[in-house]
């Protein structure tokens, strides 16, 4: 396993608090190669509880958004089974 990956989550970027724990079930799904955290942005809304949601399909998998504490972080998941990820997150199939 690469030194830049921990439990299927690439850790080369800064992670929002709780993101690694939220991604653990996603990274454990069969068909998921890697979870790659992307950019972090502040939101204009009040801080809320953590939430991981599917946003869009990508050519190699699916893009997720993790919201926590007044910030949002993109996460790119390389997978061959987008539906399994959406089902785990409680989104549309």
Protein backbone atom coordinates (compact mmCIF):
# COMPACT_ATOMS: atom_id res chain seq x y z
CA UNK A 1 0.00 0.00 0.00
CA UNK A 2 1.27 3.47 -0.84
CA UNK A 3 2.49 5.64 1.99
CA UNK A 4 0.04 8.31 0.81
CA UNK A 5 -3.01 6.09 1.36
CA UNK A 6 -4.64 5.11 4.60
CA UNK A 7 -7.55 2.63 4.51
CA UNK A 8 -8.19 3.38 0.82
CA UNK A 9 -8.23 7.16 1.34
CA UNK A 10 -5.47 9.25 -0.21
CA UNK A 11 -4.06 11.58 2.46
CA UNK A 12 -1.90 13.97 0.42
CA UNK A 13 -4.29 16.88 1.06
CA UNK A 14 -5.67 18.41 4.23
CA UNK A 15 -8.84 16.69 5.39
CA UNK A 16 -11.81 18.23 7.15
CA UNK A 17 -12.41 16.85 10.63
CA UNK A 18 -14.24 13.53 10.44
CA UNK A 19 -13.78 13.01 6.69
CA UNK A 20 -11.51 9.99 6.96
CA UNK A 21 -14.00 8.21 9.24
CA UNK A 22 -16.90 9.11 6.92
CA UNK A 23 -15.04 7.69 3.90
CA UNK A 24 -14.05 4.39 5.55
CA UNK A 25 -17.28 2.55 4.59
CA UNK A 26 -17.07 3.91 1.03
CA UNK A 27 -13.42 2.86 0.65
CA UNK A 28 -14.31 -0.65 1.90
CA UNK A 29 -16.89 -1.25 -0.86
CA UNK A 30 -15.93 -3.78 -3.53
CA UNK A 31 -15.14 -1.97 -6.75
CA UNK A 32 -13.76 1.16 -5.06
CA UNK A 33 -10.10 1.69 -5.97
CA UNK A 34 -9.33 4.90 -4.09
CA UNK A 35 -10.96 7.98 -2.52
CA UNK A 36 -9.16 11.22 -3.39
CA UNK A 37 -9.96 14.34 -1.30
CA UNK A 38 -10.05 17.55 -3.32
CA UNK A 39 -10.34 21.23 -2.58
CA UNK A 40 -11.88 22.63 0.58
CA UNK A 41 -14.09 25.73 0.53
CA UNK A 42 -15.88 27.75 3.13
CA UNK A 43 -19.64 27.83 2.85
CA UNK A 44 -21.73 30.90 3.39
CA UNK A 45 -24.09 29.01 5.67
CA UNK A 46 -24.09 28.27 9.36
CA UNK A 47 -21.95 25.37 10.54
CA UNK A 48 -23.85 22.10 10.50
CA UNK A 49 -23.29 18.48 11.37
CA UNK A 50 -21.12 16.39 9.06
CA UNK A 51 -22.73 14.97 5.93
CA UNK A 52 -21.34 13.03 2.96
CA UNK A 53 -23.40 13.24 -0.25
CA UNK A 54 -23.07 12.13 -3.85
CA UNK A 55 -22.87 15.04 -6.29
CA UNK A 56 -22.11 13.87 -9.82
CA UNK A 57 -20.82 11.01 -11.91
CA UNK A 58 -17.31 11.34 -13.34
CA UNK A 59 -15.69 9.32 -16.13
CA UNK A 60 -13.85 7.15 -13.57
CA UNK A 61 -16.38 7.05 -10.74
CA UNK A 62 -18.31 9.54 -8.65
CA UNK A 63 -17.80 12.93 -7.01
CA UNK A 64 -18.86 13.38 -3.38
CA UNK A 65 -19.18 16.43 -1.16
CA UNK A 66 -18.43 16.34 2.57
CA UNK A 67 -19.90 19.22 4.60
CA UNK A 68 -18.79 19.88 8.15
CA UNK A 69 -18.39 22.93 10.35
CA UNK A 70 -19.09 25.63 7.76
CA UNK A 71 -16.85 24.10 5.07
CA UNK A 72 -17.25 21.68 2.18
CA UNK A 73 -14.64 19.36 0.67
CA UNK A 74 -14.83 17.59 -2.67
CA UNK A 75 -13.98 13.89 -2.74
CA UNK A 76 -13.40 11.93 -5.94
CA UNK A 77 -14.05 8.19 -5.72
CA UNK A 78 -12.56 5.92 -8.39
CA UNK A 79 -14.98 3.02 -8.66
CA UNK A 80 -16.49 0.58 -11.10
CA UNK A 81 -19.82 0.51 -9.18
CA UNK A 82 -21.30 4.00 -8.73
CA UNK A 83 -24.66 2.59 -7.68
CA UNK A 84 -23.16 0.83 -4.64
CA UNK A 85 -21.66 4.14 -3.46
CA UNK A 86 -24.97 5.99 -3.96
CA UNK A 87 -26.88 3.24 -2.15
CA UNK A 88 -24.48 3.36 0.81
CA UNK A 89 -24.90 7.13 1.06
CA UNK A 90 -28.69 6.88 0.83
CA UNK A 91 -28.92 8.72 -2.47
CA UNK A 92 -30.69 7.96 -5.70
CA UNK A 93 -29.70 4.68 -7.39
